C-alpha atoms as a PDB file:
ATOM      1  CA  MET A   1     176.431  69.752 117.568  1.00  0.00           C
ATOM      2  CA  PRO A   2     178.934  72.212 116.091  1.00  0.00           C
ATOM      3  CA  LYS A   3     179.080  75.852 117.646  1.00  0.00           C
ATOM      4  CA  VAL A   4     179.969  78.904 115.365  1.00  0.00           C
ATOM      5  CA  THR A   5     181.198  82.096 116.745  1.00  0.00           C
ATOM      6  CA  ILE A   6     181.547  85.211 114.594  1.00  0.00           C
ATOM      7  CA  ASP A   7     183.663  88.186 115.885  1.00  0.00           C
ATOM      8  CA  ARG A   8     181.300  91.113 114.766  1.00  0.00           C
ATOM      9  CA  GLU A   9     183.928  93.649 115.350  1.00  0.00           C
ATOM     10  CA  LYS A  10     186.596  92.091 112.973  1.00  0.00           C
ATOM     11  CA  CYS A  11     184.089  91.254 110.231  1.00  0.00           C
ATOM     12  CA  LYS A  12     184.055  93.622 107.198  1.00  0.00           C
ATOM     13  CA  GLY A  13     180.962  92.107 105.621  1.00  0.00           C
ATOM     14  CA  CYS A  14     182.616  90.586 102.560  1.00  0.00           C
ATOM     15  CA  LEU A  15     180.052  87.855 102.477  1.00  0.00           C
ATOM     16  CA  LEU A  16     182.433  85.183 101.154  1.00  0.00           C
ATOM     17  CA  CYS A  17     181.102  82.836 104.100  1.00  0.00           C
ATOM     18  CA  VAL A  18     177.566  83.384 103.173  1.00  0.00           C
ATOM     19  CA  GLY A  19     178.218  81.807  99.639  1.00  0.00           C
ATOM     20  CA  VAL A  20     180.060  78.714 100.845  1.00  0.00           C
ATOM     21  CA  CYS A  21     177.718  77.688 103.600  1.00  0.00           C
ATOM     22  CA  PRO A  22     175.960  74.466 102.274  1.00  0.00           C
ATOM     23  CA  LYS A  23     173.051  74.863 104.719  1.00  0.00           C
ATOM     24  CA  LYS A  24     172.638  78.684 104.160  1.00  0.00           C
ATOM     25  CA  LEU A  25     172.865  79.574 107.838  1.00  0.00           C
ATOM     26  CA  ILE A  26     174.979  82.716 107.416  1.00  0.00           C
ATOM     27  CA  SER A  27     173.483  86.026 106.373  1.00  0.00           C
ATOM     28  CA  ARG A  28     174.427  89.745 106.544  1.00  0.00           C
ATOM     29  CA  ASP A  29     173.186  91.348 109.777  1.00  0.00           C
ATOM     30  CA  LYS A  30     171.262  94.667 109.500  1.00  0.00           C
ATOM     31  CA  SER A  31     172.934  96.179 112.404  1.00  0.00           C
ATOM     32  CA  LEU A  32     176.322  97.922 111.848  1.00  0.00           C
ATOM     33  CA  ASN A  33     179.562  97.296 113.858  1.00  0.00           C
ATOM     34  CA  SER A  34     181.721  99.962 115.460  1.00  0.00           C
ATOM     35  CA  LYS A  35     183.641 100.401 112.082  1.00  0.00           C
ATOM     36  CA  GLY A  36     180.490 101.041 110.176  1.00  0.00           C
ATOM     37  CA  HIS A  37     180.350  97.517 108.409  1.00  0.00           C
ATOM     38  CA  ASN A  38     177.368  95.020 108.215  1.00  0.00           C
ATOM     39  CA  PRO A  39     178.801  92.000 109.648  1.00  0.00           C
ATOM     40  CA  VAL A  40     177.525  88.578 109.084  1.00  0.00           C
ATOM     41  CA  LYS A  41     175.424  86.699 111.509  1.00  0.00           C
ATOM     42  CA  PHE A  42     174.963  82.729 112.071  1.00  0.00           C
ATOM     43  CA  GLN A  43     171.423  81.666 112.466  1.00  0.00           C
ATOM     44  CA  ASP A  44     171.657  78.281 114.561  1.00  0.00           C
ATOM     45  CA  LYS A  45     168.862  76.263 113.431  1.00  0.00           C
ATOM     46  CA  GLY A  46     170.530  72.901 114.477  1.00  0.00           C
ATOM     47  CA  GLU A  47     171.430  72.141 110.966  1.00  0.00           C
ATOM     48  CA  CYS A  48     175.103  73.097 110.906  1.00  0.00           C
ATOM     49  CA  ILE A  49     177.164  70.056 109.910  1.00  0.00           C
ATOM     50  CA  GLY A  50     180.499  71.715 111.297  1.00  0.00           C
ATOM     51  CA  CYS A  51     182.232  71.606 107.786  1.00  0.00           C
ATOM     52  CA  ALA A  52     183.970  74.967 108.779  1.00  0.00           C
ATOM     53  CA  LEU A  53     184.149  76.119 105.190  1.00  0.00           C
ATOM     54  CA  CYS A  54     183.003  79.539 106.551  1.00  0.00           C
ATOM     55  CA  ALA A  55     186.045  79.800 108.829  1.00  0.00           C
ATOM     56  CA  ILE A  56     188.336  78.595 106.140  1.00  0.00           C
ATOM     57  CA  ILE A  57     187.189  81.074 103.508  1.00  0.00           C
ATOM     58  CA  CYS A  58     187.174  84.167 105.928  1.00  0.00           C
ATOM     59  CA  PRO A  59     190.125  86.420 105.091  1.00  0.00           C
ATOM     60  CA  ASP A  60     190.078  88.180 108.498  1.00  0.00           C
ATOM     61  CA  CYS A  61     189.610  84.978 110.741  1.00  0.00           C
ATOM     62  CA  CYS A  62     186.504  86.318 112.212  1.00  0.00           C
ATOM     63  CA  ILE A  63     184.819  82.776 112.341  1.00  0.00           C
ATOM     64  CA  GLU A  64     185.550  79.752 114.613  1.00  0.00           C
ATOM     65  CA  VAL A  65     183.812  76.407 114.378  1.00  0.00           C
ATOM     66  CA  TYR A  66     183.678  74.253 117.392  1.00  0.00           C
ATOM     67  CA  LYS A  67     182.771  70.624 117.049  1.00  0.00           C
END
């Protein structure tokens, strides 16, 4: 099963990854990071297919997908 990690401190909350996730497993987190942005969070429901579209589209390289 793939593992997704998100660097909350680097994420500026652009939400590009939210739109490309085919399983809708990424959403905006309600808590702020140290820069005052709402980063995204990954909801591990065991449905991730490891497509890595989220990591590819992230402009700040905040997301890593391990297969």
